[in-house]
C-alpha atoms as a PDB file:
ATOM      1  CA  MET A   1      22.413 -17.586  46.708  1.00  0.00           C
ATOM      2  CA  SER A   2      20.605 -15.124  44.539  1.00  0.00           C
ATOM      3  CA  THR A   3      17.130 -15.992  42.283  1.00  0.00           C
ATOM      4  CA  LYS A   4      16.643 -15.683  39.331  1.00  0.00           C
ATOM      5  CA  SER A   5      14.051 -12.753  37.884  1.00  0.00           C
ATOM      6  CA  SER A   6      11.109 -13.406  36.441  1.00  0.00           C
ATOM      7  CA  VAL A   7      11.952 -10.928  34.022  1.00  0.00           C
ATOM      8  CA  GLU A   8      15.492 -12.533  32.781  1.00  0.00           C
ATOM      9  CA  PRO A   9      13.895 -14.853  29.882  1.00  0.00           C
ATOM     10  CA  SER A  10      11.684 -11.794  28.249  1.00  0.00           C
ATOM     11  CA  ALA A  11      15.022  -9.205  28.562  1.00  0.00           C
ATOM     12  CA  THR A  12      17.141 -12.340  27.284  1.00  0.00           C
ATOM     13  CA  HIS A  13      14.913 -12.819  24.565  1.00  0.00           C
ATOM     14  CA  ALA A  14      14.473  -8.545  23.658  1.00  0.00           C
ATOM     15  CA  VAL A  15      18.221  -8.831  22.820  1.00  0.00           C
ATOM     16  CA  PHE A  16      18.364 -11.890  21.236  1.00  0.00           C
ATOM     17  CA  LEU A  17      15.885 -10.342  18.837  1.00  0.00           C
ATOM     18  CA  ARG A  18      17.445  -6.774  18.441  1.00  0.00           C
ATOM     19  CA  ASP A  19      20.418  -8.982  16.982  1.00  0.00           C
ATOM     20  CA  PHE A  20      18.465 -11.096  14.738  1.00  0.00           C
ATOM     21  CA  TYR A  21      17.349  -7.827  13.562  1.00  0.00           C
ATOM     22  CA  ALA A  22      20.384  -6.602  13.016  1.00  0.00           C
ATOM     23  CA  ALA A  23      21.296  -9.514  11.044  1.00  0.00           C
ATOM     24  CA  PHE A  24      18.594  -9.429   8.928  1.00  0.00           C
ATOM     25  CA  LEU A  25      18.663  -6.312   8.027  1.00  0.00           C
ATOM     26  CA  LYS A  26      22.470  -6.716   7.103  1.00  0.00           C
ATOM     27  CA  GLY A  27      21.205  -9.384   4.263  1.00  0.00           C
ATOM     28  CA  ASP A  28      23.069 -11.744   6.362  1.00  0.00           C
ATOM     29  CA  ALA A  29      21.382 -15.358   5.972  1.00  0.00           C
ATOM     30  CA  ASP A  30      24.203 -17.387   7.495  1.00  0.00           C
ATOM     31  CA  ALA A  31      24.275 -15.212  10.833  1.00  0.00           C
ATOM     32  CA  ALA A  32      20.240 -14.839  11.000  1.00  0.00           C
ATOM     33  CA  VAL A  33      20.103 -18.624  10.529  1.00  0.00           C
ATOM     34  CA  LYS A  34      21.455 -19.066  14.037  1.00  0.00           C
ATOM     35  CA  PHE A  35      19.147 -17.327  15.707  1.00  0.00           C
ATOM     36  CA  VAL A  36      16.126 -20.172  14.959  1.00  0.00           C
ATOM     37  CA  THR A  37      15.547 -23.876  15.375  1.00  0.00           C
ATOM     38  CA  PRO A  38      16.027 -26.452  13.414  1.00  0.00           C
ATOM     39  CA  ASP A  39      12.602 -27.025  13.569  1.00  0.00           C
ATOM     40  CA  PHE A  40      11.742 -23.412  12.574  1.00  0.00           C
ATOM     41  CA  ILE A  41       8.535 -22.246  10.605  1.00  0.00           C
ATOM     42  CA  MET A  42       7.595 -18.752   9.028  1.00  0.00           C
ATOM     43  CA  HIS A  43       4.427 -18.587   8.331  1.00  0.00           C
ATOM     44  CA  VAL A  44       3.671 -15.590   5.751  1.00  0.00           C
ATOM     45  CA  PRO A  45       0.032 -15.209   4.276  1.00  0.00           C
ATOM     46  CA  GLY A  46      -1.568 -13.636   1.499  1.00  0.00           C
ATOM     47  CA  ARG A  47      -1.607 -14.503  -2.597  1.00  0.00           C
ATOM     48  CA  GLY A  48       1.466 -13.341  -3.413  1.00  0.00           C
ATOM     49  CA  LEU A  49       4.657 -14.536  -4.728  1.00  0.00           C
ATOM     50  CA  ASN A  50       6.087 -14.416  -1.570  1.00  0.00           C
ATOM     51  CA  ALA A  51       2.976 -16.264   0.502  1.00  0.00           C
ATOM     52  CA  GLY A  52       3.677 -19.522   2.371  1.00  0.00           C
ATOM     53  CA  GLU A  53       5.153 -21.640   4.654  1.00  0.00           C
ATOM     54  CA  TYR A  54       9.197 -21.707   5.615  1.00  0.00           C
ATOM     55  CA  TRP A  55      10.311 -24.667   6.998  1.00  0.00           C
ATOM     56  CA  GLY A  56      13.642 -24.383   9.231  1.00  0.00           C
ATOM     57  CA  ARG A  57      17.161 -22.791   8.665  1.00  0.00           C
ATOM     58  CA  ASP A  58      16.817 -23.583   4.702  1.00  0.00           C
ATOM     59  CA  GLY A  59      13.839 -21.989   4.573  1.00  0.00           C
ATOM     60  CA  LEU A  60      14.074 -18.784   6.484  1.00  0.00           C
ATOM     61  CA  ASN A  61      17.101 -18.362   4.038  1.00  0.00           C
ATOM     62  CA  LYS A  62      15.104 -19.167   1.395  1.00  0.00           C
ATOM     63  CA  PHE A  63      12.942 -16.492   2.428  1.00  0.00           C
ATOM     64  CA  MET A  64      15.362 -13.728   2.678  1.00  0.00           C
ATOM     65  CA  GLY A  65      16.524 -14.686  -0.630  1.00  0.00           C
ATOM     66  CA  ASN A  66      12.925 -14.480  -2.078  1.00  0.00           C
ATOM     67  CA  ILE A  67      12.832 -10.698  -0.980  1.00  0.00           C
ATOM     68  CA  LEU A  68      16.147  -9.890  -1.813  1.00  0.00           C
ATOM     69  CA  ALA A  69      15.894 -11.412  -5.673  1.00  0.00           C
ATOM     70  CA  TYR A  70      13.050  -9.580  -6.035  1.00  0.00           C
ATOM     71  CA  ASN A  71      13.977  -6.200  -4.458  1.00  0.00           C
ATOM     72  CA  GLY A  72      15.171  -3.385  -6.933  1.00  0.00           C
ATOM     73  CA  GLY A  73      18.007  -2.095  -4.806  1.00  0.00           C
ATOM     74  CA  ARG A  74      15.895  -0.160  -2.135  1.00  0.00           C
ATOM     75  CA  PHE A  75      15.098  -1.627   1.185  1.00  0.00           C
ATOM     76  CA  SER A  76      14.646   0.807   4.987  1.00  0.00           C
ATOM     77  CA  MET A  77      12.833  -1.353   8.353  1.00  0.00           C
ATOM     78  CA  LYS A  78      12.192   0.538  11.343  1.00  0.00           C
ATOM     79  CA  ILE A  79      10.979  -1.681  14.491  1.00  0.00           C
ATOM     80  CA  PRO A  80       8.924   1.298  16.430  1.00  0.00           C
ATOM     81  CA  ALA A  81       7.259  -1.165  18.834  1.00  0.00           C
ATOM     82  CA  MET A  82       8.598  -4.558  20.114  1.00  0.00           C
ATOM     83  CA  SER A  83       6.683  -5.976  23.264  1.00  0.00           C
ATOM     84  CA  VAL A  84       8.564  -9.285  25.065  1.00  0.00           C
ATOM     85  CA  GLU A  85       6.682 -11.429  27.584  1.00  0.00           C
ATOM     86  CA  ASP A  86       8.572 -14.889  28.171  1.00  0.00           C
ATOM     87  CA  GLN A  87       8.304 -17.447  25.228  1.00  0.00           C
ATOM     88  CA  THR A  88       6.841 -14.967  22.883  1.00  0.00           C
ATOM     89  CA  ALA A  89       7.334 -11.660  21.328  1.00  0.00           C
ATOM     90  CA  PHE A  90       5.547  -9.361  18.968  1.00  0.00           C
ATOM     91  CA  THR A  91       6.931  -6.674  16.708  1.00  0.00           C
ATOM     92  CA  ARG A  92       5.768  -3.534  14.405  1.00  0.00           C
ATOM     93  CA  GLU A  93       7.701  -3.183  11.227  1.00  0.00           C
ATOM     94  CA  ILE A  94       7.700  -0.483   8.378  1.00  0.00           C
ATOM     95  CA  VAL A  95       9.548  -1.081   5.724  1.00  0.00           C
ATOM     96  CA  VAL A  96      10.045   1.295   2.456  1.00  0.00           C
ATOM     97  CA  LEU A  97      10.808  -0.695  -0.426  1.00  0.00           C
ATOM     98  CA  ASN A  98      11.242  -0.943  -4.320  1.00  0.00           C
ATOM     99  CA  ARG A  99      11.018  -4.049  -6.779  1.00  0.00           C
ATOM    100  CA  LYS A 100      12.953  -4.431  -9.682  1.00  0.00           C
ATOM    101  CA  GLN A 101       9.760  -4.660 -12.099  1.00  0.00           C
ATOM    102  CA  ASP A 102       9.348  -1.094 -11.553  1.00  0.00           C
ATOM    103  CA  PRO A 103      12.146   0.788  -8.960  1.00  0.00           C
ATOM    104  CA  ALA A 104      11.404   4.006  -9.238  1.00  0.00           C
ATOM    105  CA  ARG A 105       8.284   3.558  -7.522  1.00  0.00           C
ATOM    106  CA  LEU A 106       8.497   3.153  -3.333  1.00  0.00           C
ATOM    107  CA  TRP A 107       6.289   1.277  -1.233  1.00  0.00           C
ATOM    108  CA  THR A 108       5.491   1.554   2.214  1.00  0.00           C
ATOM    109  CA  LEU A 109       4.171  -2.231   3.845  1.00  0.00           C
ATOM    110  CA  ARG A 110       3.521  -2.027   7.891  1.00  0.00           C
ATOM    111  CA  PHE A 111       3.773  -5.694   9.150  1.00  0.00           C
ATOM    112  CA  ILE A 112       3.014  -7.193  12.926  1.00  0.00           C
ATOM    113  CA  MET A 113       5.647  -9.893  13.563  1.00  0.00           C
ATOM    114  CA  HIS A 114       4.420 -12.677  16.342  1.00  0.00           C
ATOM    115  CA  TYR A 115       7.308 -14.811  17.238  1.00  0.00           C
ATOM    116  CA  GLU A 116       7.314 -17.526  19.676  1.00  0.00           C
ATOM    117  CA  PHE A 117      10.798 -19.003  21.225  1.00  0.00           C
ATOM    118  CA  LYS A 118      12.563 -22.603  22.592  1.00  0.00           C
ATOM    119  CA  ASN A 119      15.552 -23.635  23.819  1.00  0.00           C
ATOM    120  CA  GLY A 120      16.709 -20.004  23.746  1.00  0.00           C
ATOM    121  CA  ARG A 121      16.092 -19.686  19.668  1.00  0.00           C
ATOM    122  CA  ILE A 122      13.018 -18.758  17.417  1.00  0.00           C
ATOM    123  CA  SER A 123      10.831 -21.013  16.962  1.00  0.00           C
ATOM    124  CA  GLU A 124       8.036 -19.971  14.969  1.00  0.00           C
ATOM    125  CA  ALA A 125       7.617 -16.281  13.473  1.00  0.00           C
ATOM    126  CA  TRP A 126       4.257 -15.230  11.501  1.00  0.00           C
ATOM    127  CA  THR A 127       4.399 -11.962   9.226  1.00  0.00           C
ATOM    128  CA  ILE A 128       0.803 -10.434   9.450  1.00  0.00           C
ATOM    129  CA  PRO A 129       0.666  -7.276   7.114  1.00  0.00           C
ATOM    130  CA  GLU A 130      -1.573  -4.342   8.022  1.00  0.00           C
ATOM    131  CA  ASP A 131      -2.764  -4.171   4.914  1.00  0.00           C
ATOM    132  CA  GLN A 132      -2.521  -7.528   3.044  1.00  0.00           C
ATOM    133  CA  TYR A 133      -4.116  -6.056  -0.234  1.00  0.00           C
ATOM    134  CA  LEU A 134      -0.951  -3.881  -0.629  1.00  0.00           C
ATOM    135  CA  TYR A 135       1.687  -6.293   0.310  1.00  0.00           C
ATOM    136  CA  ASP A 136      -0.291  -9.031  -2.588  1.00  0.00           C
ATOM    137  CA  THR A 137      -0.201  -5.975  -4.174  1.00  0.00           C
ATOM    138  CA  TYR A 138       3.981  -5.858  -4.288  1.00  0.00           C
ATOM    139  CA  TRP A 139       4.269  -9.641  -4.172  1.00  0.00           C
ATOM    140  CA  ASN A 140       1.985  -9.647  -7.725  1.00  0.00           C
ATOM    141  CA  PRO A 141       4.288  -7.517 -10.256  1.00  0.00           C
ATOM    142  CA  ALA A 142       1.051  -8.116 -12.829  1.00  0.00           C
ATOM    143  CA  SER A 143      -1.150  -7.382 -11.118  1.00  0.00           C
ATOM    144  CA  SER A 144      -3.811  -4.737 -11.797  1.00  0.00           C
ATOM    145  CA  GLU A 145      -4.961  -4.539  -8.494  1.00  0.00           C
ATOM    146  CA  LYS A 146      -6.465  -0.833  -7.225  1.00  0.00           C
ATOM    147  CA  THR A 147      -4.099   0.482  -4.250  1.00  0.00           C
ATOM    148  CA  SER A 148      -3.949   3.946  -2.283  1.00  0.00           C
ATOM    149  CA  ASP A 149      -0.208   2.754  -2.981  1.00  0.00           C
ATOM    150  CA  SER A 150      -0.277   5.027  -5.759  1.00  0.00           C
ATOM    151  CA  THR A 151      -0.702   8.349  -3.733  1.00  0.00           C
ATOM    152  CA  GLN A 152       0.372   7.230   0.128  1.00  0.00           C
ATOM    153  CA  GLN A 153       3.231   8.891   1.972  1.00  0.00           C
ATOM    154  CA  ILE A 154       6.298   7.049   2.083  1.00  0.00           C
ATOM    155  CA  GLU A 155       7.097   6.892   5.163  1.00  0.00           C
ATOM    156  CA  SER A 156      10.586   8.924   6.423  1.00  0.00           C
ATOM    157  CA  MET A 157      12.944   6.210   8.010  1.00  0.00           C
ATOM    158  CA  ALA A 158      15.553   8.412   9.772  1.00  0.00           C
ATOM    159  CA  GLY A 159      16.368   7.995  13.226  1.00  0.00           C
ATOM    160  CA  PRO A 160      17.551   4.268  14.409  1.00  0.00           C
ATOM    161  CA  SER A 161      15.705   0.982  12.502  1.00  0.00           C
ATOM    162  CA  LEU A 162      16.972  -1.738  15.778  1.00  0.00           C
ATOM    163  CA  PRO A 163      13.812  -1.935  18.392  1.00  0.00           C
ATOM    164  CA  ASN A 164      13.881  -0.237  21.843  1.00  0.00           C
ATOM    165  CA  VAL A 165      14.925  -3.582  24.200  1.00  0.00           C
ATOM    166  CA  ALA A 166      14.880  -1.317  27.704  1.00  0.00           C
ATOM    167  CA  GLY A 167      11.440  -0.909  27.342  1.00  0.00           C
ATOM    168  CA  ALA A 168      10.376  -4.195  25.883  1.00  0.00           C
ATOM    169  CA  THR A 169       8.365  -5.304  28.769  1.00  0.00           C
ATOM    170  CA  SER A 170       6.157  -3.818  31.663  1.00  0.00           C
ATOM    171  CA  SER A 171       4.012  -5.644  33.943  1.00  0.00           C
ATOM    172  CA  ASP A 172       2.422  -2.226  34.966  1.00  0.00           C
ATOM    173  CA  THR A 173       0.838  -2.276  31.000  1.00  0.00           C
ATOM    174  CA  LYS A 174       0.336  -6.235  31.034  1.00  0.00           C
ATOM    175  CA  ALA A 175      -1.660  -5.148  33.837  1.00  0.00           C
ATOM    176  CA  LEU A 176      -3.760  -2.918  31.982  1.00  0.00           C
ATOM    177  CA  ILE A 177      -4.190  -5.028  29.266  1.00  0.00           C
ATOM    178  CA  LYS A 178      -5.760  -7.545  31.488  1.00  0.00           C
ATOM    179  CA  THR A 179      -7.926  -5.468  33.487  1.00  0.00           C
ATOM    180  CA  PHE A 180      -8.950  -4.361  30.405  1.00  0.00           C
ATOM    181  CA  TYR A 181      -9.625  -7.621  28.951  1.00  0.00           C
ATOM    182  CA  ASN A 182     -11.335  -8.641  32.402  1.00  0.00           C
ATOM    183  CA  ARG A 183     -13.772  -5.862  31.939  1.00  0.00           C
ATOM    184  CA  PHE A 184     -14.629  -6.936  28.610  1.00  0.00           C
ATOM    185  CA  TRP A 185     -15.434 -10.713  29.995  1.00  0.00           C
ATOM    186  CA  ASP A 186     -17.739  -9.200  32.961  1.00  0.00           C
ATOM    187  CA  GLY A 187     -19.653  -6.827  30.517  1.00  0.00           C
ATOM    188  CA  ASP A 188     -18.287  -3.957  32.130  1.00  0.00           C
ATOM    189  CA  MET A 189     -18.776  -1.223  29.388  1.00  0.00           C
ATOM    190  CA  PRO A 190     -18.116   1.572  32.236  1.00  0.00           C
ATOM    191  CA  GLY A 191     -14.766   0.062  33.625  1.00  0.00           C
ATOM    192  CA  MET A 192     -13.313  -0.463  30.028  1.00  0.00           C
ATOM    193  CA  LYS A 193     -14.113   2.765  29.171  1.00  0.00           C
ATOM    194  CA  GLN A 194     -12.081   4.265  32.017  1.00  0.00           C
ATOM    195  CA  LEU A 195      -8.732   2.311  30.641  1.00  0.00           C
ATOM    196  CA  VAL A 196      -8.695   4.851  27.487  1.00  0.00           C
ATOM    197  CA  ALA A 197      -7.805   8.356  26.145  1.00  0.00           C
ATOM    198  CA  ASP A 198     -10.705   9.820  25.347  1.00  0.00           C
ATOM    199  CA  ASP A 199      -9.261  10.398  21.788  1.00  0.00           C
ATOM    200  CA  ILE A 200      -9.282   6.627  21.184  1.00  0.00           C
ATOM    201  CA  VAL A 201      -9.213   5.212  17.784  1.00  0.00           C
ATOM    202  CA  PHE A 202     -10.122   1.729  17.362  1.00  0.00           C
ATOM    203  CA  TYR A 203      -8.898   0.606  13.384  1.00  0.00           C
ATOM    204  CA  VAL A 204      -9.900  -2.779  11.671  1.00  0.00           C
ATOM    205  CA  PRO A 205      -8.195  -3.054   8.249  1.00  0.00           C
ATOM    206  CA  GLY A 206      -9.396  -4.424   4.928  1.00  0.00           C
ATOM    207  CA  ARG A 207     -12.522  -4.401   3.264  1.00  0.00           C
ATOM    208  CA  SER A 208     -14.976  -6.476   5.554  1.00  0.00           C
ATOM    209  CA  HIS A 209     -18.024  -5.271   7.069  1.00  0.00           C
ATOM    210  CA  LEU A 210     -16.388  -4.510  10.503  1.00  0.00           C
ATOM    211  CA  ALA A 211     -13.165  -2.421   8.190  1.00  0.00           C
ATOM    212  CA  GLY A 212     -12.870   1.512   9.853  1.00  0.00           C
ATOM    213  CA  GLU A 213     -11.439   3.736  12.038  1.00  0.00           C
ATOM    214  CA  TYR A 214     -13.606   4.171  15.184  1.00  0.00           C
ATOM    215  CA  ARG A 215     -13.202   7.192  16.926  1.00  0.00           C
ATOM    216  CA  THR A 216     -14.344   7.925  20.792  1.00  0.00           C
ATOM    217  CA  TRP A 217     -15.471   5.466  22.908  1.00  0.00           C
ATOM    218  CA  LYS A 218     -18.473   6.130  21.060  1.00  0.00           C
ATOM    219  CA  GLY A 219     -16.751   4.751  17.438  1.00  0.00           C
ATOM    220  CA  TYR A 220     -15.697   1.938  20.067  1.00  0.00           C
ATOM    221  CA  LEU A 221     -19.743   0.858  20.345  1.00  0.00           C
ATOM    222  CA  ALA A 222     -20.395   1.296  16.940  1.00  0.00           C
ATOM    223  CA  PHE A 223     -17.967  -1.172  15.857  1.00  0.00           C
ATOM    224  CA  ARG A 224     -19.064  -3.871  18.322  1.00  0.00           C
ATOM    225  CA  ASP A 225     -22.487  -2.924  18.048  1.00  0.00           C
ATOM    226  CA  LYS A 226     -21.721  -4.208  14.276  1.00  0.00           C
ATOM    227  CA  LEU A 227     -20.437  -7.431  15.567  1.00  0.00           C
ATOM    228  CA  ILE A 228     -22.732  -8.381  18.002  1.00  0.00           C
ATOM    229  CA  LYS A 229     -25.417  -7.576  14.637  1.00  0.00           C
ATOM    230  CA  LEU A 230     -23.686 -10.692  13.360  1.00  0.00           C
ATOM    231  CA  ALA A 231     -23.088 -12.936  15.793  1.00  0.00           C
ATOM    232  CA  GLY A 232     -25.238 -15.767  16.696  1.00  0.00           C
ATOM    233  CA  ASP A 233     -26.059 -18.065  19.665  1.00  0.00           C
ATOM    234  CA  LYS A 234     -22.598 -18.991  20.232  1.00  0.00           C
ATOM    235  CA  TYR A 235     -19.300 -16.160  21.120  1.00  0.00           C
ATOM    236  CA  LYS A 236     -16.348 -17.191  22.930  1.00  0.00           C
ATOM    237  CA  LEU A 237     -13.038 -14.995  23.281  1.00  0.00           C
ATOM    238  CA  GLU A 238     -10.034 -15.750  24.767  1.00  0.00           C
ATOM    239  CA  ILE A 239      -6.428 -14.707  24.713  1.00  0.00           C
ATOM    240  CA  ALA A 240      -3.664 -17.265  22.790  1.00  0.00           C
ATOM    241  CA  SER A 241      -0.820 -14.812  24.221  1.00  0.00           C
ATOM    242  CA  ILE A 242       0.191 -11.652  25.502  1.00  0.00           C
ATOM    243  CA  ALA A 243       3.547  -9.563  25.662  1.00  0.00           C
ATOM    244  CA  ALA A 244       3.590  -5.317  26.760  1.00  0.00           C
ATOM    245  CA  GLY A 245       5.741  -3.356  26.643  1.00  0.00           C
ATOM    246  CA  GLU A 246       6.270   0.505  28.113  1.00  0.00           C
ATOM    247  CA  THR A 247       4.228   1.975  25.297  1.00  0.00           C
ATOM    248  CA  ASP A 248       2.919  -0.672  23.154  1.00  0.00           C
ATOM    249  CA  ALA A 249       1.100  -4.296  23.779  1.00  0.00           C
ATOM    250  CA  PHE A 250       0.187  -7.035  21.785  1.00  0.00           C
ATOM    251  CA  VAL A 251      -2.478  -9.539  22.124  1.00  0.00           C
ATOM    252  CA  LYS A 252      -3.182 -12.455  19.652  1.00  0.00           C
ATOM    253  CA  GLU A 253      -7.032 -13.262  20.450  1.00  0.00           C
ATOM    254  CA  TYR A 254      -9.249 -15.710  18.902  1.00  0.00           C
ATOM    255  CA  VAL A 255     -13.024 -15.585  18.758  1.00  0.00           C
ATOM    256  CA  ARG A 256     -15.137 -18.387  18.555  1.00  0.00           C
ATOM    257  CA  MET A 257     -18.662 -17.978  17.167  1.00  0.00           C
ATOM    258  CA  ASN A 258     -21.232 -18.822  14.511  1.00  0.00           C
ATOM    259  CA  ARG A 259     -23.263 -16.160  12.549  1.00  0.00           C
ATOM    260  CA  LYS A 260     -26.735 -15.844  12.795  1.00  0.00           C
ATOM    261  CA  TRP A 261     -27.242 -17.521   8.899  1.00  0.00           C
ATOM    262  CA  ASP A 262     -24.702 -19.793   9.805  1.00  0.00           C
ATOM    263  CA  PRO A 263     -24.424 -22.160  12.907  1.00  0.00           C
ATOM    264  CA  THR A 264     -21.100 -23.591  12.492  1.00  0.00           C
ATOM    265  CA  VAL A 265     -18.616 -22.405  14.993  1.00  0.00           C
ATOM    266  CA  GLN A 266     -15.504 -21.203  13.122  1.00  0.00           C
ATOM    267  CA  THR A 267     -12.633 -20.037  14.851  1.00  0.00           C
ATOM    268  CA  ILE A 268     -10.705 -16.610  13.774  1.00  0.00           C
ATOM    269  CA  PHE A 269      -7.153 -15.145  14.856  1.00  0.00           C
ATOM    270  CA  VAL A 270      -6.315 -11.682  14.867  1.00  0.00           C
ATOM    271  CA  ILE A 271      -3.100  -9.579  16.565  1.00  0.00           C
ATOM    272  CA  LEU A 272      -4.845  -6.320  19.068  1.00  0.00           C
ATOM    273  CA  HIS A 273      -2.140  -3.899  18.912  1.00  0.00           C
ATOM    274  CA  PHE A 274      -2.693  -1.668  21.594  1.00  0.00           C
ATOM    275  CA  GLU A 275      -0.383   1.908  22.003  1.00  0.00           C
ATOM    276  CA  LEU A 276      -0.398   3.796  25.302  1.00  0.00           C
ATOM    277  CA  ARG A 277       0.610   7.193  26.672  1.00  0.00           C
ATOM    278  CA  GLY A 278      -0.391   8.160  29.864  1.00  0.00           C
ATOM    279  CA  GLY A 279      -1.397   5.256  31.532  1.00  0.00           C
ATOM    280  CA  LYS A 280      -4.457   5.233  29.042  1.00  0.00           C
ATOM    281  CA  ILE A 281      -5.042   2.947  25.642  1.00  0.00           C
ATOM    282  CA  ILE A 282      -4.514   5.645  22.796  1.00  0.00           C
ATOM    283  CA  ARG A 283      -5.105   3.555  20.137  1.00  0.00           C
ATOM    284  CA  ILE A 284      -6.452  -0.173  18.887  1.00  0.00           C
ATOM    285  CA  ASN A 285      -5.216  -2.171  15.541  1.00  0.00           C
ATOM    286  CA  ASP A 286      -7.302  -5.119  15.408  1.00  0.00           C
ATOM    287  CA  ILE A 287      -4.870  -6.863  12.601  1.00  0.00           C
ATOM    288  CA  PRO A 288      -6.179 -10.283  11.453  1.00  0.00           C
ATOM    289  CA  VAL A 289      -3.315 -12.693  11.107  1.00  0.00           C
ATOM    290  CA  ASP A 290      -5.532 -14.238   8.123  1.00  0.00           C
ATOM    291  CA  THR A 291      -7.221 -11.565   6.617  1.00  0.00           C
ATOM    292  CA  TYR A 292      -9.418 -13.540   3.456  1.00  0.00           C
ATOM    293  CA  SER A 293     -10.776 -15.584   6.059  1.00  0.00           C
ATOM    294  CA  TYR A 294     -11.416 -13.037   8.139  1.00  0.00           C
ATOM    295  CA  GLU A 295     -13.649 -10.864   5.802  1.00  0.00           C
ATOM    296  CA  ALA A 296     -14.879 -13.706   4.347  1.00  0.00           C
ATOM    297  CA  PHE A 297     -16.207 -14.398   7.932  1.00  0.00           C
ATOM    298  CA  PHE A 298     -17.178 -10.795   9.151  1.00  0.00           C
ATOM    299  CA  THR A 299     -18.873  -9.941   5.640  1.00  0.00           C
ATOM    300  CA  PRO A 300     -22.930 -10.846   5.622  1.00  0.00           C
END
C-alpha cells in the first residue's frame, strides 16, 4: 500500500497554477475562471481604475476584461519565480504593456502575487505591485504624477513566460528561511548574518521613511536601526504564510506595533521575497501589501 508524499499537494498546485497562467495569458476568461472557486476573491490595491475587490468567477472575468479593454495592444508577461507550499503559493510577475491612451509608451510593471487554494482551486488572490505609484499612474490616464517610468529600462521578455514547476518547492530553502526567522526572534544577529551573502541587498520600495536599497549586512542593520527608532514599547512580528522554492522564497508577515508618538497598536502586512544562490540569501525585497497605509504608518 502506497503512502502519499507530503509534497504532493504543493506539486499539484504548482502545475495547476502554471495552467491557470497559460489560460490568463491567452486572455481566455472562460478557461481561467474554471481554476477558481465560486467564492473566489481577487484583491487589487491602490487608487487606480482597476483597484478594488473582485468576487466570484464573474469577478475574475471582470478583472480580466478591464485589462483587455484598457490595454493598447501590447502585453507580455514573465513569471521568473514561483514558490508553492501546501495551500499557499506566491509568484513574481514582470509585465510589459501599453494602454489605449498612449499606445507608443511601454510600461514595465512588477508584481508579487499571493494565492490561497481551497478544494483544489484558487480561493483567494492578492495582486501586490512592487511600485504602487507606477501601477496607479498606469491606471490613471489623466494623472500628472511624476514617475521614473519615462526613463525606465523596458525589460526584454525573451524566454519562457510560464513559471518553472520543477523548482517551485524546496524543503531545504524553507528550513533556511525558518532558521533566519528563528534567529531574528532570538535576537541572534551574528547567526542571521551567517545565512546571507556578503553583498546582500535589502530593498523597500516607495517613499516612506524606511524606503531605499540597503546594501551588505551593514545596510540591513541600518534599516533595522531606522525601524527601532520608530517603534514604541510594543512590537511583535509573525509569519502569516510561507512558501519556498529552490531559488526564491516568499513570506507573508505581519508586524503588530505602536510608534513612539502613538500608543495605538496597528497591524501592517508585507511580503518578503527572498532570493537565494548557493545556499545564501542574496536579496530581500520587502513589499508592502498596502503601500499607502504602510507609508503612513512608517513615516514620522
